[in-house]
Protein backbone atom coordinates (compact mmCIF):
# COMPACT_ATOMS: atom_id res chain seq x y z
CA MET A 1 63.88 8.79 25.06
CA LYS A 2 60.17 9.23 25.69
CA ARG A 3 60.95 10.36 29.23
CA LEU A 4 63.42 12.99 27.96
CA GLY A 5 60.77 14.36 25.58
CA MET A 6 58.24 14.64 28.39
CA THR A 7 60.80 16.37 30.61
CA ILE A 8 61.62 18.89 27.88
CA ALA A 9 57.91 19.47 27.25
CA ALA A 10 57.34 20.06 30.98
CA ILE A 11 60.25 22.54 31.14
CA VAL A 12 58.98 24.40 28.08
CA GLY A 13 55.46 24.47 29.54
CA VAL A 14 56.64 25.85 32.88
CA ALA A 15 58.83 28.44 31.11
CA ALA A 16 55.88 29.54 28.97
CA LEU A 17 53.68 29.84 32.07
CA VAL A 18 56.30 31.90 33.94
CA LEU A 19 56.85 34.10 30.90
CA SER A 20 53.11 34.72 30.47
CA MET A 21 52.78 35.60 34.16
CA SER A 22 55.70 38.05 33.85
CA VAL A 23 54.18 39.69 30.76
CA SER A 24 50.83 39.92 32.55
CA ALA A 25 52.44 41.50 35.63
CA ASN A 26 54.31 44.02 33.45
CA ALA A 27 51.11 44.92 31.61
CA GLU A 28 49.31 45.47 34.92
CA GLY A 29 52.19 47.60 36.23
CA SER A 30 52.28 49.56 33.00
CA ALA A 31 48.53 50.15 33.11
CA LYS A 32 48.80 51.31 36.73
CA ASP A 33 51.66 53.70 35.89
CA LYS A 34 49.82 54.99 32.83
CA LYS A 35 46.74 55.71 34.96
CA ALA A 36 48.90 57.47 37.59
CA ILE A 37 50.45 59.72 34.92
CA GLU A 38 47.02 60.46 33.44
CA ASP A 39 45.84 61.44 36.93
CA VAL A 40 48.79 63.84 37.31
CA GLU A 41 48.08 65.36 33.88
CA ASN A 42 44.44 65.91 34.86
CA LYS A 43 45.48 67.61 38.10
CA ILE A 44 47.92 69.87 36.26
CA ILE A 45 45.37 70.96 33.64
CA ALA A 46 42.79 71.66 36.36
CA ALA A 47 45.23 73.76 38.41
CA THR A 48 44.45 77.44 38.92
CA THR A 49 47.63 78.45 40.76
CA THR A 50 51.36 78.04 40.31
CA ASP A 51 51.68 76.14 43.59
CA GLU A 52 49.10 73.57 42.45
CA VAL A 53 51.12 72.86 39.28
CA MET A 54 54.50 72.84 41.01
CA LYS A 55 53.40 69.95 43.28
CA TYR A 56 53.68 67.68 40.23
CA TYR A 57 57.10 68.89 39.05
CA ASP A 58 60.42 67.50 40.30
CA GLN A 59 61.73 70.45 42.33
CA ASN A 60 65.32 69.24 41.88
CA ASP A 61 65.20 68.56 38.14
CA ILE A 62 62.67 70.53 36.08
CA ASP A 63 62.88 72.56 32.93
CA LEU A 64 60.18 74.10 30.78
CA TYR A 65 60.19 75.08 27.13
CA ASP A 66 57.28 77.50 27.00
CA PHE A 67 55.96 79.17 23.88
CA VAL A 68 56.91 82.56 25.33
CA PRO A 69 60.55 83.72 25.72
CA PRO A 70 63.12 83.01 26.97
CA LEU A 71 64.28 79.88 25.22
CA GLN A 72 64.23 77.79 28.40
CA TYR A 73 63.10 78.00 32.02
CA LYS A 74 65.62 75.89 33.90
CA GLY A 75 65.09 74.94 37.51
CA ALA A 76 62.17 75.22 39.90
CA THR A 77 62.63 78.96 40.53
CA ALA A 78 62.57 79.85 36.83
CA VAL A 79 59.61 77.55 36.11
CA HIS A 80 57.73 78.92 39.11
CA GLY A 81 58.31 82.47 37.83
CA ASP A 82 57.00 81.63 34.35
CA LEU A 83 53.87 80.01 35.77
CA ASP A 84 53.37 82.95 38.15
CA ASN A 85 53.48 85.28 35.16
CA PHE A 86 50.56 83.42 33.61
CA PHE A 87 48.44 82.81 36.71
CA ASN A 88 48.93 86.37 38.02
CA ASN A 89 47.59 87.74 34.74
CA ALA A 90 44.73 85.30 34.16
CA LYS A 91 41.46 84.73 36.01
CA ASP A 92 38.98 81.90 35.72
CA VAL A 93 41.46 79.59 33.99
CA LYS A 94 39.84 76.45 32.59
CA GLY A 95 41.60 73.77 30.60
CA ASN A 96 40.58 70.54 28.93
CA PHE A 97 42.27 67.87 26.87
CA VAL A 98 41.46 67.70 23.20
CA GLU A 99 43.76 64.66 23.13
CA LEU A 100 45.97 62.93 25.70
CA VAL A 101 48.33 60.03 25.05
CA VAL A 102 50.47 58.49 27.80
CA VAL A 103 53.32 56.02 27.35
CA THR A 104 55.46 54.52 30.11
CA ASP A 105 57.86 51.69 30.75
CA GLY A 106 57.51 52.00 34.52
CA LYS A 107 60.73 54.04 34.87
CA LEU A 108 60.07 56.94 32.53
CA GLY A 109 56.78 58.25 31.25
CA MET A 110 55.68 60.65 28.56
CA ALA A 111 52.38 62.43 28.08
CA ARG A 112 51.68 64.26 24.83
CA SER A 113 48.54 66.27 24.49
CA ILE A 114 46.60 68.97 22.78
CA GLN A 115 45.09 71.23 25.40
CA HIS A 116 42.49 73.98 25.10
CA PHE A 117 42.39 76.79 27.66
CA THR A 118 40.09 79.72 28.30
CA TRP A 119 40.65 82.52 30.79
CA THR A 120 39.95 86.16 31.44
CA GLY A 121 42.87 88.55 31.02
CA GLN A 122 43.64 91.44 33.36
CA ASP A 123 41.84 93.73 30.91
CA GLY A 124 38.65 91.70 31.44
CA LYS A 125 38.69 90.25 27.92
CA ALA A 126 38.06 86.57 27.29
CA GLN A 127 41.15 84.73 26.03
CA GLU A 128 41.72 81.26 24.69
CA ALA A 129 44.52 79.11 23.34
CA THR A 130 44.99 75.61 22.02
CA LEU A 131 48.45 74.29 22.90
CA ARG A 132 50.61 71.29 22.19
CA VAL A 133 52.18 69.97 25.40
CA THR A 134 54.67 67.18 26.00
CA ASP A 135 55.55 66.24 29.59
CA VAL A 136 58.33 63.82 30.52
CA PHE A 137 58.02 62.01 33.86
CA HIS A 138 60.16 59.98 36.22
CA LYS A 139 59.49 58.62 39.68
CA VAL A 140 60.54 60.48 42.81
CA GLY A 141 59.79 58.71 46.05
CA GLY A 142 57.43 56.37 44.18
CA LYS A 143 55.41 59.25 42.66
CA TRP A 144 55.42 60.39 39.05
CA LYS A 145 56.92 63.88 38.68
CA VAL A 146 57.41 66.02 35.58
CA ILE A 147 61.08 66.63 34.77
CA HIS A 148 60.53 68.35 31.43
CA SER A 149 57.59 70.14 29.86
CA HIS A 150 57.45 71.50 26.33
CA VAL A 151 54.61 73.83 25.35
CA SER A 152 54.20 75.01 21.78
CA VAL A 153 51.82 76.39 19.20
CA PRO A 154 52.12 76.12 15.43
CA VAL A 155 53.56 79.15 13.65
CA ASP A 156 52.46 80.31 10.21
CA PRO A 157 55.75 80.35 8.24
CA LYS A 158 54.51 83.11 5.91
CA THR A 159 53.63 85.58 8.65
CA GLY A 160 55.68 84.30 11.60
CA GLN A 161 52.53 84.55 13.70
CA ALA A 162 51.55 81.98 16.31
CA GLN A 163 48.37 80.07 15.51
CA MET A 164 46.80 79.98 18.95
CA ASN A 165 43.54 78.20 18.17
CA LEU A 166 44.06 75.69 15.40
CA GLN A 167 41.88 72.61 15.55
CA SER A 168 42.66 69.13 14.29
């Protein structure tokens, strides 16, 4: 009987050790994936051309909900056109994160952020906007790619006007 108890204790001990190693490995993988997504987000916000941004989007499966019409930009050509519209009309674009949160399970990832941008319009006037952005990621060829991006700004319900520079 004593031998059976020791055997069960040994099995439970080994199982606990294996389980803790698995949890540790998953945590390390998750931290690595989180860091990789954060790196992509930082490259996107630092981009100054459409082509720089598009490198981080899945060319075969991307859609964008921008805060400007139409309702949806579906596919790489439509997304590229929307980004071109911005970058062709803005100079000296600079962006920074007010907040960035990344969550991933190793298969899918999500980054939600508040981003502040400044730029010079074609008329030479300084512009700025604070945006809410949510990016959804999946892996393509082992690299994290955006498959969906949603950009928004709060709207004042009384006036229907976008609130481009609210602060938390």
